[in-house]
Amino acid sequence: MSGTVFVTNRGSIQLTDGYDGVRYEFKKNVPVELPLHVATHIFGYRDSNKEPYLARLGWIRSKSELDKGLEKLAEFEISDSKPQDHSLPSVGGVVPLRVEKHAGGKTAQRAA
């Protein structure tokens, strides 16, 4: 298996894993270029049986947890080309102030 793929972590937790002495960090929304055989080793890329990979990652301990493990695996997007970042910077938690005009043209600011 030759070539590379890009893996982008769309989940909420960071993953660090390795292959053949090389460590790979999968930070949220940061594409990581991997050789195909490494993507297979870590994520089971192109293997229809994901169970051994999910168990190796510690995401499942039994077959009854397979659906939960597959949901976690689905948070990792694998593509042949580097994804383009079209997202806007996050301003989470920022609430604009509401401005009210009172008689006489004076303004008062009130927290929303």
PDB file of N, CA and C in Angstrom:
ATOM      1  N   MET A   1       0.846  -1.171   0.000  1.00  0.00           N
ATOM      2  CA  MET A   1       0.000   0.000   0.000  1.00  0.00           C
ATOM      3  C   MET A   1       0.894   1.238   0.000  1.00  0.00           C
ATOM      4  N   SER A   2       0.831   2.014  -1.045  1.00  0.00           N
ATOM      5  CA  SER A   2       1.626   3.238  -1.090  1.00  0.00           C
ATOM      6  C   SER A   2       0.713   4.437  -1.284  1.00  0.00           C
ATOM      7  N   GLY A   3       1.236   5.609  -1.027  1.00  0.00           N
ATOM      8  CA  GLY A   3       0.449   6.831  -1.113  1.00  0.00           C
ATOM      9  C   GLY A   3       0.152   7.366   0.268  1.00  0.00           C
ATOM     10  N   THR A   4      -0.542   8.497   0.281  1.00  0.00           N
ATOM     11  CA  THR A   4      -0.885   9.123   1.558  1.00  0.00           C
ATOM     12  C   THR A   4      -2.344   9.550   1.568  1.00  0.00           C
ATOM     13  N   VAL A   5      -2.840   9.771   2.781  1.00  0.00           N
ATOM     14  CA  VAL A   5      -4.180  10.326   2.997  1.00  0.00           C
ATOM     15  C   VAL A   5      -4.055  11.400   4.067  1.00  0.00           C
ATOM     16  N   PHE A   6      -5.081  12.214   4.171  1.00  0.00           N
ATOM     17  CA  PHE A   6      -5.145  13.245   5.198  1.00  0.00           C
ATOM     18  C   PHE A   6      -6.242  12.877   6.185  1.00  0.00           C
ATOM     19  N   VAL A   7      -5.900  12.924   7.465  1.00  0.00           N
ATOM     20  CA  VAL A   7      -6.857  12.613   8.528  1.00  0.00           C
ATOM     21  C   VAL A   7      -7.109  13.886   9.308  1.00  0.00           C
ATOM     22  N   THR A   8      -8.396  14.235   9.454  1.00  0.00           N
ATOM     23  CA  THR A   8      -8.779  15.430  10.203  1.00  0.00           C
ATOM     24  C   THR A   8      -9.685  15.009  11.349  1.00  0.00           C
ATOM     25  N   ASN A   9      -9.291  15.375  12.547  1.00  0.00           N
ATOM     26  CA  ASN A   9     -10.061  15.073  13.745  1.00  0.00           C
ATOM     27  C   ASN A   9     -11.177  16.100  13.874  1.00  0.00           C
ATOM     28  N   ARG A  10     -12.411  15.677  13.708  1.00  0.00           N
ATOM     29  CA  ARG A  10     -13.569  16.569  13.848  1.00  0.00           C
ATOM     30  C   ARG A  10     -14.241  16.392  15.216  1.00  0.00           C
ATOM     31  N   GLY A  11     -13.625  15.593  16.069  1.00  0.00           N
ATOM     32  CA  GLY A  11     -14.195  15.320  17.385  1.00  0.00           C
ATOM     33  C   GLY A  11     -13.756  16.323  18.434  1.00  0.00           C
ATOM     34  N   SER A  12     -14.104  16.024  19.660  1.00  0.00           N
ATOM     35  CA  SER A  12     -13.835  16.955  20.751  1.00  0.00           C
ATOM     36  C   SER A  12     -12.565  16.631  21.531  1.00  0.00           C
ATOM     37  N   ILE A  13     -11.979  15.440  21.313  1.00  0.00           N
ATOM     38  CA  ILE A  13     -10.758  15.104  22.045  1.00  0.00           C
ATOM     39  C   ILE A  13      -9.600  14.893  21.083  1.00  0.00           C
ATOM     40  N   GLN A  14      -8.404  15.169  21.570  1.00  0.00           N
ATOM     41  CA  GLN A  14      -7.192  14.980  20.774  1.00  0.00           C
ATOM     42  C   GLN A  14      -6.753  13.522  20.871  1.00  0.00           C
ATOM     43  N   LEU A  15      -6.213  12.989  19.785  1.00  0.00           N
ATOM     44  CA  LEU A  15      -5.706  11.618  19.761  1.00  0.00           C
ATOM     45  C   LEU A  15      -4.227  11.658  19.405  1.00  0.00           C
ATOM     46  N   THR A  16      -3.424  10.905  20.138  1.00  0.00           N
ATOM     47  CA  THR A  16      -2.018  10.717  19.810  1.00  0.00           C
ATOM     48  C   THR A  16      -1.797   9.224  19.673  1.00  0.00           C
ATOM     49  N   ASP A  17      -1.208   8.808  18.568  1.00  0.00           N
ATOM     50  CA  ASP A  17      -0.934   7.394  18.322  1.00  0.00           C
ATOM     51  C   ASP A  17       0.326   7.301  17.485  1.00  0.00           C
ATOM     52  N   GLY A  18       0.788   6.107  17.277  1.00  0.00           N
ATOM     53  CA  GLY A  18       2.029   5.974  16.543  1.00  0.00           C
ATOM     54  C   GLY A  18       2.105   4.705  15.715  1.00  0.00           C
ATOM     55  N   TYR A  19       3.152   4.683  14.885  1.00  0.00           N
ATOM     56  CA  TYR A  19       3.441   3.519  14.055  1.00  0.00           C
ATOM     57  C   TYR A  19       4.932   3.530  13.748  1.00  0.00           C
ATOM     58  N   ASP A  20       5.590   2.421  13.975  1.00  0.00           N
ATOM     59  CA  ASP A  20       6.999   2.245  13.635  1.00  0.00           C
ATOM     60  C   ASP A  20       7.885   3.359  14.217  1.00  0.00           C
ATOM     61  N   GLY A  21       7.611   3.719  15.468  1.00  0.00           N
ATOM     62  CA  GLY A  21       8.422   4.717  16.160  1.00  0.00           C
ATOM     63  C   GLY A  21       8.084   6.165  15.850  1.00  0.00           C
ATOM     64  N   VAL A  22       7.092   6.409  15.006  1.00  0.00           N
ATOM     65  CA  VAL A  22       6.687   7.775  14.663  1.00  0.00           C
ATOM     66  C   VAL A  22       5.360   8.065  15.367  1.00  0.00           C
ATOM     67  N   ARG A  23       5.306   9.194  16.107  1.00  0.00           N
ATOM     68  CA  ARG A  23       4.088   9.607  16.801  1.00  0.00           C
ATOM     69  C   ARG A  23       3.304  10.589  15.939  1.00  0.00           C
ATOM     70  N   TYR A  24       2.011  10.427  15.943  1.00  0.00           N
ATOM     71  CA  TYR A  24       1.122  11.307  15.189  1.00  0.00           C
ATOM     72  C   TYR A  24       0.122  11.922  16.171  1.00  0.00           C
ATOM     73  N   GLU A  25      -0.039  13.236  16.087  1.00  0.00           N
ATOM     74  CA  GLU A  25      -1.022  13.944  16.907  1.00  0.00           C
ATOM     75  C   GLU A  25      -2.164  14.398  16.029  1.00  0.00           C
ATOM     76  N   PHE A  26      -3.368  14.062  16.437  1.00  0.00           N
ATOM     77  CA  PHE A  26      -4.562  14.444  15.695  1.00  0.00           C
ATOM     78  C   PHE A  26      -5.319  15.472  16.530  1.00  0.00           C
ATOM     79  N   LYS A  27      -4.947  16.732  16.330  1.00  0.00           N
ATOM     80  CA  LYS A  27      -5.608  17.832  17.027  1.00  0.00           C
ATOM     81  C   LYS A  27      -6.882  18.189  16.271  1.00  0.00           C
ATOM     82  N   LYS A  28      -7.810  18.777  16.984  1.00  0.00           N
ATOM     83  CA  LYS A  28      -9.102  19.128  16.392  1.00  0.00           C
ATOM     84  C   LYS A  28      -8.936  20.037  15.176  1.00  0.00           C
ATOM     85  N   ASN A  29      -9.524  19.624  14.061  1.00  0.00           N
ATOM     86  CA  ASN A  29      -9.587  20.381  12.804  1.00  0.00           C
ATOM     87  C   ASN A  29      -8.238  20.677  12.152  1.00  0.00           C
ATOM     88  N   VAL A  30      -7.208  19.895  12.481  1.00  0.00           N
ATOM     89  CA  VAL A  30      -5.896  20.057  11.871  1.00  0.00           C
ATOM     90  C   VAL A  30      -5.600  18.808  11.035  1.00  0.00           C
ATOM     91  N   PRO A  31      -5.572  18.928   9.696  1.00  0.00           N
ATOM     92  CA  PRO A  31      -5.301  17.762   8.853  1.00  0.00           C
ATOM     93  C   PRO A  31      -3.877  17.235   9.069  1.00  0.00           C
ATOM     94  N   VAL A  32      -3.760  15.913   9.152  1.00  0.00           N
ATOM     95  CA  VAL A  32      -2.470  15.250   9.320  1.00  0.00           C
ATOM     96  C   VAL A  32      -2.281  14.308   8.132  1.00  0.00           C
ATOM     97  N   GLU A  33      -1.155  14.454   7.433  1.00  0.00           N
ATOM     98  CA  GLU A  33      -0.869  13.586   6.292  1.00  0.00           C
ATOM     99  C   GLU A  33      -0.219  12.300   6.801  1.00  0.00           C
ATOM    100  N   LEU A  34      -0.784  11.160   6.375  1.00  0.00           N
ATOM    101  CA  LEU A  34      -0.303   9.848   6.802  1.00  0.00           C
ATOM    102  C   LEU A  34      -0.077   8.940   5.600  1.00  0.00           C
ATOM    103  N   PRO A  35       0.932   8.067   5.667  1.00  0.00           N
ATOM    104  CA  PRO A  35       1.017   7.002   4.667  1.00  0.00           C
ATOM    105  C   PRO A  35      -0.214   6.099   4.805  1.00  0.00           C
ATOM    106  N   LEU A  36      -0.662   5.516   3.713  1.00  0.00           N
ATOM    107  CA  LEU A  36      -1.859   4.667   3.740  1.00  0.00           C
ATOM    108  C   LEU A  36      -1.755   3.550   4.770  1.00  0.00           C
ATOM    109  N   HIS A  37      -0.590   2.906   4.863  1.00  0.00           N
ATOM    110  CA  HIS A  37      -0.460   1.783   5.803  1.00  0.00           C
ATOM    111  C   HIS A  37      -0.575   2.242   7.257  1.00  0.00           C
ATOM    112  N   VAL A  38      -0.213   3.474   7.540  1.00  0.00           N
ATOM    113  CA  VAL A  38      -0.363   4.009   8.899  1.00  0.00           C
ATOM    114  C   VAL A  38      -1.841   4.300   9.179  1.00  0.00           C
ATOM    115  N   ALA A  39      -2.548   4.847   8.198  1.00  0.00           N
ATOM    116  CA  ALA A  39      -3.991   5.087   8.350  1.00  0.00           C
ATOM    117  C   ALA A  39      -4.730   3.773   8.576  1.00  0.00           C
ATOM    118  N   THR A  40      -4.273   2.719   7.936  1.00  0.00           N
ATOM    119  CA  THR A  40      -4.874   1.401   8.151  1.00  0.00           C
ATOM    120  C   THR A  40      -4.555   0.910   9.555  1.00  0.00           C
ATOM    121  N   HIS A  41      -3.305   1.028   9.977  1.00  0.00           N
ATOM    122  CA  HIS A  41      -2.899   0.571  11.307  1.00  0.00           C
ATOM    123  C   HIS A  41      -3.665   1.288  12.419  1.00  0.00           C
ATOM    124  N   ILE A  42      -3.810   2.594  12.304  1.00  0.00           N
ATOM    125  CA  ILE A  42      -4.457   3.365  13.369  1.00  0.00           C
ATOM    126  C   ILE A  42      -5.972   3.304  13.291  1.00  0.00           C
ATOM    127  N   PHE A  43      -6.536   3.543  12.108  1.00  0.00           N
ATOM    128  CA  PHE A  43      -7.987   3.708  11.968  1.00  0.00           C
ATOM    129  C   PHE A  43      -8.698   2.565  11.245  1.00  0.00           C
ATOM    130  N   GLY A  44      -7.947   1.593  10.734  1.00  0.00           N
ATOM    131  CA  GLY A  44      -8.587   0.526   9.969  1.00  0.00           C
ATOM    132  C   GLY A  44      -9.035   0.991   8.601  1.00  0.00           C
ATOM    133  N   TYR A  45      -8.351   2.003   8.068  1.00  0.00           N
ATOM    134  CA  TYR A  45      -8.713   2.561   6.763  1.00  0.00           C
ATOM    135  C   TYR A  45      -8.720   1.466   5.707  1.00  0.00           C
ATOM    136  N   ARG A  46      -9.798   1.402   4.953  1.00  0.00           N
ATOM    137  CA  ARG A  46     -10.032   0.422   3.888  1.00  0.00           C
ATOM    138  C   ARG A  46     -10.194  -1.015   4.381  1.00  0.00           C
ATOM    139  N   ASP A  47     -10.383  -1.201   5.670  1.00  0.00           N
ATOM    140  CA  ASP A  47     -10.672  -2.529   6.223  1.00  0.00           C
ATOM    141  C   ASP A  47     -12.117  -2.497   6.709  1.00  0.00           C
ATOM    142  N   SER A  48     -12.913  -3.431   6.253  1.00  0.00           N
ATOM    143  CA  SER A  48     -14.333  -3.422   6.619  1.00  0.00           C
ATOM    144  C   SER A  48     -14.560  -3.811   8.081  1.00  0.00           C
ATOM    145  N   ASN A  49     -13.635  -4.545   8.683  1.00  0.00           N
ATOM    146  CA  ASN A  49     -13.761  -4.942  10.082  1.00  0.00           C
ATOM    147  C   ASN A  49     -12.995  -3.955  10.964  1.00  0.00           C
ATOM    148  N   LYS A  50     -13.707  -3.023  11.541  1.00  0.00           N
ATOM    149  CA  LYS A  50     -13.074  -1.974  12.358  1.00  0.00           C
ATOM    150  C   LYS A  50     -12.854  -2.402  13.808  1.00  0.00           C
ATOM    151  N   GLU A  51     -13.444  -3.507  14.225  1.00  0.00           N
ATOM    152  CA  GLU A  51     -13.397  -3.914  15.621  1.00  0.00           C
ATOM    153  C   GLU A  51     -11.978  -3.997  16.210  1.00  0.00           C
ATOM    154  N   PRO A  52     -11.002  -4.644  15.548  1.00  0.00           N
ATOM    155  CA  PRO A  52      -9.665  -4.719  16.168  1.00  0.00           C
ATOM    156  C   PRO A  52      -8.997  -3.346  16.329  1.00  0.00           C
ATOM    157  N   TYR A  53      -9.283  -2.435  15.438  1.00  0.00           N
ATOM    158  CA  TYR A  53      -8.692  -1.099  15.514  1.00  0.00           C
ATOM    159  C   TYR A  53      -9.320  -0.300  16.651  1.00  0.00           C
ATOM    160  N   LEU A  54     -10.636  -0.423  16.800  1.00  0.00           N
ATOM    161  CA  LEU A  54     -11.331   0.270  17.882  1.00  0.00           C
ATOM    162  C   LEU A  54     -10.874  -0.259  19.240  1.00  0.00           C
ATOM    163  N   ALA A  55     -10.644  -1.566  19.322  1.00  0.00           N
ATOM    164  CA  ALA A  55     -10.160  -2.164  20.570  1.00  0.00           C
ATOM    165  C   ALA A  55      -8.729  -1.701  20.852  1.00  0.00           C
ATOM    166  N   ARG A  56      -7.883  -1.656  19.841  1.00  0.00           N
ATOM    167  CA  ARG A  56      -6.498  -1.223  20.031  1.00  0.00           C
ATOM    168  C   ARG A  56      -6.444   0.223  20.510  1.00  0.00           C
ATOM    169  N   LEU A  57      -7.334   1.064  19.992  1.00  0.00           N
ATOM    170  CA  LEU A  57      -7.399   2.465  20.408  1.00  0.00           C
ATOM    171  C   LEU A  57      -8.013   2.626  21.809  1.00  0.00           C
ATOM    172  N   GLY A  58      -8.621   1.568  22.323  1.00  0.00           N
ATOM    173  CA  GLY A  58      -9.248   1.627  23.638  1.00  0.00           C
ATOM    174  C   GLY A  58     -10.644   2.210  23.621  1.00  0.00           C
ATOM    175  N   TRP A  59     -11.235   2.269  22.436  1.00  0.00           N
ATOM    176  CA  TRP A  59     -12.566   2.861  22.307  1.00  0.00           C
ATOM    177  C   TRP A  59     -13.676   1.853  22.532  1.00  0.00           C
ATOM    178  N   ILE A  60     -13.349   0.562  22.477  1.00  0.00           N
ATOM    179  CA  ILE A  60     -14.328  -0.483  22.808  1.00  0.00           C
ATOM    180  C   ILE A  60     -13.619  -1.565  23.614  1.00  0.00           C
ATOM    181  N   ARG A  61     -14.419  -2.275  24.447  1.00  0.00           N
ATOM    182  CA  ARG A  61     -13.893  -3.416  25.193  1.00  0.00           C
ATOM    183  C   ARG A  61     -14.640  -4.689  24.848  1.00  0.00           C
ATOM    184  N   SER A  62     -15.800  -4.533  24.208  1.00  0.00           N
ATOM    185  CA  SER A  62     -16.598  -5.701  23.807  1.00  0.00           C
ATOM    186  C   SER A  62     -17.421  -5.339  22.578  1.00  0.00           C
ATOM    187  N   LYS A  63     -17.984  -6.382  21.954  1.00  0.00           N
ATOM    188  CA  LYS A  63     -18.810  -6.166  20.758  1.00  0.00           C
ATOM    189  C   LYS A  63     -20.014  -5.278  21.052  1.00  0.00           C
ATOM    190  N   SER A  64     -20.493  -5.311  22.289  1.00  0.00           N
ATOM    191  CA  SER A  64     -21.668  -4.504  22.630  1.00  0.00           C
ATOM    192  C   SER A  64     -21.378  -3.001  22.553  1.00  0.00           C
ATOM    193  N   GLU A  65     -20.105  -2.615  22.560  1.00  0.00           N
ATOM    194  CA  GLU A  65     -19.730  -1.206  22.481  1.00  0.00           C
ATOM    195  C   GLU A  65     -19.349  -0.785  21.054  1.00  0.00           C
ATOM    196  N   LEU A  66     -19.517  -1.679  20.091  1.00  0.00           N
ATOM    197  CA  LEU A  66     -19.082  -1.427  18.722  1.00  0.00           C
ATOM    198  C   LEU A  66     -19.720  -0.172  18.123  1.00  0.00           C
ATOM    199  N   ASP A  67     -21.017   0.011  18.309  1.00  0.00           N
ATOM    200  CA  ASP A  67     -21.682   1.200  17.749  1.00  0.00           C
ATOM    201  C   ASP A  67     -21.090   2.495  18.314  1.00  0.00           C
ATOM    202  N   LYS A  68     -20.821   2.507  19.607  1.00  0.00           N
ATOM    203  CA  LYS A  68     -20.236   3.682  20.248  1.00  0.00           C
ATOM    204  C   LYS A  68     -18.828   3.941  19.693  1.00  0.00           C
ATOM    205  N   GLY A  69     -18.055   2.876  19.504  1.00  0.00           N
ATOM    206  CA  GLY A  69     -16.714   3.024  18.941  1.00  0.00           C
ATOM    207  C   GLY A  69     -16.742   3.529  17.508  1.00  0.00           C
ATOM    208  N   LEU A  70     -17.709   3.044  16.720  1.00  0.00           N
ATOM    209  CA  LEU A  70     -17.833   3.495  15.335  1.00  0.00           C
ATOM    210  C   LEU A  70     -18.221   4.969  15.265  1.00  0.00           C
ATOM    211  N   GLU A  71     -19.019   5.416  16.218  1.00  0.00           N
ATOM    212  CA  GLU A  71     -19.378   6.844  16.274  1.00  0.00           C
ATOM    213  C   GLU A  71     -18.129   7.688  16.518  1.00  0.00           C
ATOM    214  N   LYS A  72     -17.275   7.232  17.405  1.00  0.00           N
ATOM    215  CA  LYS A  72     -16.032   7.953  17.704  1.00  0.00           C
ATOM    216  C   LYS A  72     -15.122   7.944  16.474  1.00  0.00           C
ATOM    217  N   LEU A  73     -15.023   6.798  15.805  1.00  0.00           N
ATOM    218  CA  LEU A  73     -14.200   6.687  14.604  1.00  0.00           C
ATOM    219  C   LEU A  73     -14.700   7.627  13.507  1.00  0.00           C
ATOM    220  N   ALA A  74     -16.009   7.803  13.425  1.00  0.00           N
ATOM    221  CA  ALA A  74     -16.602   8.675  12.403  1.00  0.00           C
ATOM    222  C   ALA A  74     -16.210  10.137  12.606  1.00  0.00           C
ATOM    223  N   GLU A  75     -15.684  10.487  13.776  1.00  0.00           N
ATOM    224  CA  GLU A  75     -15.224  11.850  14.027  1.00  0.00           C
ATOM    225  C   GLU A  75     -13.905  12.146  13.315  1.00  0.00           C
ATOM    226  N   PHE A  76     -13.262  11.114  12.762  1.00  0.00           N
ATOM    227  CA  PHE A  76     -12.000  11.277  12.049  1.00  0.00           C
ATOM    228  C   PHE A  76     -12.269  11.158  10.555  1.00  0.00           C
ATOM    229  N   GLU A  77     -12.107  12.262   9.872  1.00  0.00           N
ATOM    230  CA  GLU A  77     -12.381  12.355   8.431  1.00  0.00           C
ATOM    231  C   GLU A  77     -11.098  11.998   7.674  1.00  0.00           C
ATOM    232  N   ILE A  78     -11.191  11.046   6.749  1.00  0.00           N
ATOM    233  CA  ILE A  78     -10.030  10.627   5.959  1.00  0.00           C
ATOM    234  C   ILE A  78     -10.298  10.962   4.498  1.00  0.00           C
ATOM    235  N   SER A  79      -9.350  11.686   3.869  1.00  0.00           N
ATOM    236  CA  SER A  79      -9.527  12.080   2.475  1.00  0.00           C
ATOM    237  C   SER A  79      -8.201  11.952   1.721  1.00  0.00           C
ATOM    238  N   ASP A  80      -8.311  11.854   0.402  1.00  0.00           N
ATOM    239  CA  ASP A  80      -7.136  11.723  -0.456  1.00  0.00           C
ATOM    240  C   ASP A  80      -6.402  13.043  -0.659  1.00  0.00           C
ATOM    241  N   SER A  81      -7.083  14.154  -0.455  1.00  0.00           N
ATOM    242  CA  SER A  81      -6.454  15.463  -0.636  1.00  0.00           C
ATOM    243  C   SER A  81      -6.630  16.284   0.632  1.00  0.00           C
ATOM    244  N   LYS A  82      -5.753  17.252   0.814  1.00  0.00           N
ATOM    245  CA  LYS A  82      -5.792  18.077   2.020  1.00  0.00           C
ATOM    246  C   LYS A  82      -7.065  18.914   2.041  1.00  0.00           C
ATOM    247  N   PRO A  83      -7.838  18.792   3.121  1.00  0.00           N
ATOM    248  CA  PRO A  83      -9.074  19.585   3.219  1.00  0.00           C
ATOM    249  C   PRO A  83      -8.762  21.078   3.306  1.00  0.00           C
ATOM    250  N   GLN A  84      -9.612  21.869   2.701  1.00  0.00           N
ATOM    251  CA  GLN A  84      -9.486  23.323   2.770  1.00  0.00           C
ATOM    252  C   GLN A  84     -10.239  23.798   3.999  1.00  0.00           C
ATOM    253  N   ASP A  85      -9.659  24.735   4.730  1.00  0.00           N
ATOM    254  CA  ASP A  85     -10.301  25.277   5.921  1.00  0.00           C
ATOM    255  C   ASP A  85     -11.128  26.492   5.530  1.00  0.00           C
ATOM    256  N   HIS A  86     -12.445  26.304   5.556  1.00  0.00           N
ATOM    257  CA  HIS A  86     -13.355  27.391   5.208  1.00  0.00           C
ATOM    258  C   HIS A  86     -14.077  27.935   6.434  1.00  0.00           C
ATOM    259  N   SER A  87     -13.628  27.499   7.609  1.00  0.00           N
ATOM    260  CA  SER A  87     -14.335  27.916   8.817  1.00  0.00           C
ATOM    261  C   SER A  87     -13.910  29.318   9.232  1.00  0.00           C
ATOM    262  N   LEU A  88     -14.814  30.001   9.899  1.00  0.00           N
ATOM    263  CA  LEU A  88     -14.529  31.325  10.440  1.00  0.00           C
ATOM    264  C   LEU A  88     -14.005  31.163  11.857  1.00  0.00           C
ATOM    265  N   PRO A  89     -13.230  32.117  12.332  1.00  0.00           N
ATOM    266  CA  PRO A  89     -12.738  32.017  13.707  1.00  0.00           C
ATOM    267  C   PRO A  89     -13.904  31.959  14.686  1.00  0.00           C
ATOM    268  N   SER A  90     -13.743  31.181  15.715  1.00  0.00           N
ATOM    269  CA  SER A  90     -14.786  31.022  16.712  1.00  0.00           C
ATOM    270  C   SER A  90     -14.774  32.187  17.686  1.00  0.00           C
ATOM    271  N   VAL A  91     -15.948  32.675  18.002  1.00  0.00           N
ATOM    272  CA  VAL A  91     -16.086  33.713  19.016  1.00  0.00           C
ATOM    273  C   VAL A  91     -17.059  33.221  20.077  1.00  0.00           C
ATOM    274  N   GLY A  92     -16.936  31.945  20.425  1.00  0.00           N
ATOM    275  CA  GLY A  92     -17.829  31.343  21.389  1.00  0.00           C
ATOM    276  C   GLY A  92     -17.845  32.092  22.704  1.00  0.00           C
ATOM    277  N   GLY A  93     -19.016  32.251  23.256  1.00  0.00           N
ATOM    278  CA  GLY A  93     -19.159  32.910  24.536  1.00  0.00           C
ATOM    279  C   GLY A  93     -19.227  34.424  24.452  1.00  0.00           C
ATOM    280  N   VAL A  94     -19.085  35.008  23.284  1.00  0.00           N
ATOM    281  CA  VAL A  94     -19.140  36.459  23.144  1.00  0.00           C
ATOM    282  C   VAL A  94     -20.578  36.863  22.842  1.00  0.00           C
ATOM    283  N   VAL A  95     -21.100  37.756  23.657  1.00  0.00           N
ATOM    284  CA  VAL A  95     -22.470  38.227  23.475  1.00  0.00           C
ATOM    285  C   VAL A  95     -22.409  39.724  23.219  1.00  0.00           C
ATOM    286  N   PRO A  96     -22.946  40.191  22.100  1.00  0.00           N
ATOM    287  CA  PRO A  96     -22.901  41.628  21.828  1.00  0.00           C
ATOM    288  C   PRO A  96     -23.773  42.408  22.812  1.00  0.00           C
ATOM    289  N   LEU A  97     -23.338  43.614  23.101  1.00  0.00           N
ATOM    290  CA  LEU A  97     -24.129  44.478  23.968  1.00  0.00           C
ATOM    291  C   LEU A  97     -25.299  45.050  23.192  1.00  0.00           C
ATOM    292  N   ARG A  98     -26.410  45.181  23.869  1.00  0.00           N
ATOM    293  CA  ARG A  98     -27.579  45.776  23.251  1.00  0.00           C
ATOM    294  C   ARG A  98     -27.575  47.259  23.572  1.00  0.00           C
ATOM    295  N   VAL A  99     -27.698  48.091  22.560  1.00  0.00           N
ATOM    296  CA  VAL A  99     -27.654  49.538  22.749  1.00  0.00           C
ATOM    297  C   VAL A  99     -29.068  50.085  22.593  1.00  0.00           C
ATOM    298  N   GLU A 100     -29.485  50.826  23.611  1.00  0.00           N
ATOM    299  CA  GLU A 100     -30.825  51.427  23.568  1.00  0.00           C
ATOM    300  C   GLU A 100     -30.677  52.939  23.549  1.00  0.00           C
ATOM    301  N   LYS A 101     -31.471  53.602  22.731  1.00  0.00           N
ATOM    302  CA  LYS A 101     -31.475  55.073  22.689  1.00  0.00           C
ATOM    303  C   LYS A 101     -32.593  55.573  23.594  1.00  0.00           C
ATOM    304  N   HIS A 102     -32.245  56.554  24.366  1.00  0.00           N
ATOM    305  CA  HIS A 102     -33.240  57.187  25.234  1.00  0.00           C
ATOM    306  C   HIS A 102     -33.540  58.585  24.711  1.00  0.00           C
ATOM    307  N   ALA A 103     -34.542  59.198  25.248  1.00  0.00           N
ATOM    308  CA  ALA A 103     -34.892  60.561  24.842  1.00  0.00           C
ATOM    309  C   ALA A 103     -33.708  61.489  25.041  1.00  0.00           C
ATOM    310  N   GLY A 104     -33.512  62.408  24.159  1.00  0.00           N
ATOM    311  CA  GLY A 104     -32.418  63.344  24.263  1.00  0.00           C
ATOM    312  C   GLY A 104     -31.190  62.883  23.495  1.00  0.00           C
ATOM    313  N   GLY A 105     -31.281  61.724  22.809  1.00  0.00           N
ATOM    314  CA  GLY A 105     -30.196  61.258  21.965  1.00  0.00           C
ATOM    315  C   GLY A 105     -29.075  60.554  22.702  1.00  0.00           C
ATOM    316  N   LYS A 106     -29.205  60.383  24.035  1.00  0.00           N
ATOM    317  CA  LYS A 106     -28.166  59.696  24.800  1.00  0.00           C
ATOM    318  C   LYS A 106     -28.359  58.188  24.622  1.00  0.00           C
ATOM    319  N   THR A 107     -27.246  57.474  24.645  1.00  0.00           N
ATOM    320  CA  THR A 107     -27.327  56.020  24.537  1.00  0.00           C
ATOM    321  C   THR A 107     -26.942  55.384  25.850  1.00  0.00           C
ATOM    322  N   ALA A 108     -27.517  54.275  26.114  1.00  0.00           N
ATOM    323  CA  ALA A 108     -27.169  53.502  27.305  1.00  0.00           C
ATOM    324  C   ALA A 108     -26.901  52.071  26.856  1.00  0.00           C
ATOM    325  N   GLN A 109     -25.891  51.450  27.439  1.00  0.00           N
ATOM    326  CA  GLN A 109     -25.588  50.066  27.093  1.00  0.00           C
ATOM    327  C   GLN A 109     -26.121  49.156  28.175  1.00  0.00           C
ATOM    328  N   ARG A 110     -26.724  48.061  27.731  1.00  0.00           N
ATOM    329  CA  ARG A 110     -27.268  47.090  28.665  1.00  0.00           C
ATOM    330  C   ARG A 110     -26.771  45.737  28.248  1.00  0.00           C
ATOM    331  N   ALA A 111     -26.299  44.970  29.179  1.00  0.00           N
ATOM    332  CA  ALA A 111     -25.819  43.603  28.864  1.00  0.00           C
ATOM    333  C   ALA A 111     -27.009  42.746  28.462  1.00  0.00           C
ATOM    334  N   ALA A 112     -26.799  41.907  27.461  1.00  0.00           N
ATOM    335  CA  ALA A 112     -27.882  41.035  26.969  1.00  0.00           C
ATOM    336  C   ALA A 112     -28.154  39.924  27.941  1.00  0.00           C
TER     337      ALA A 112
END
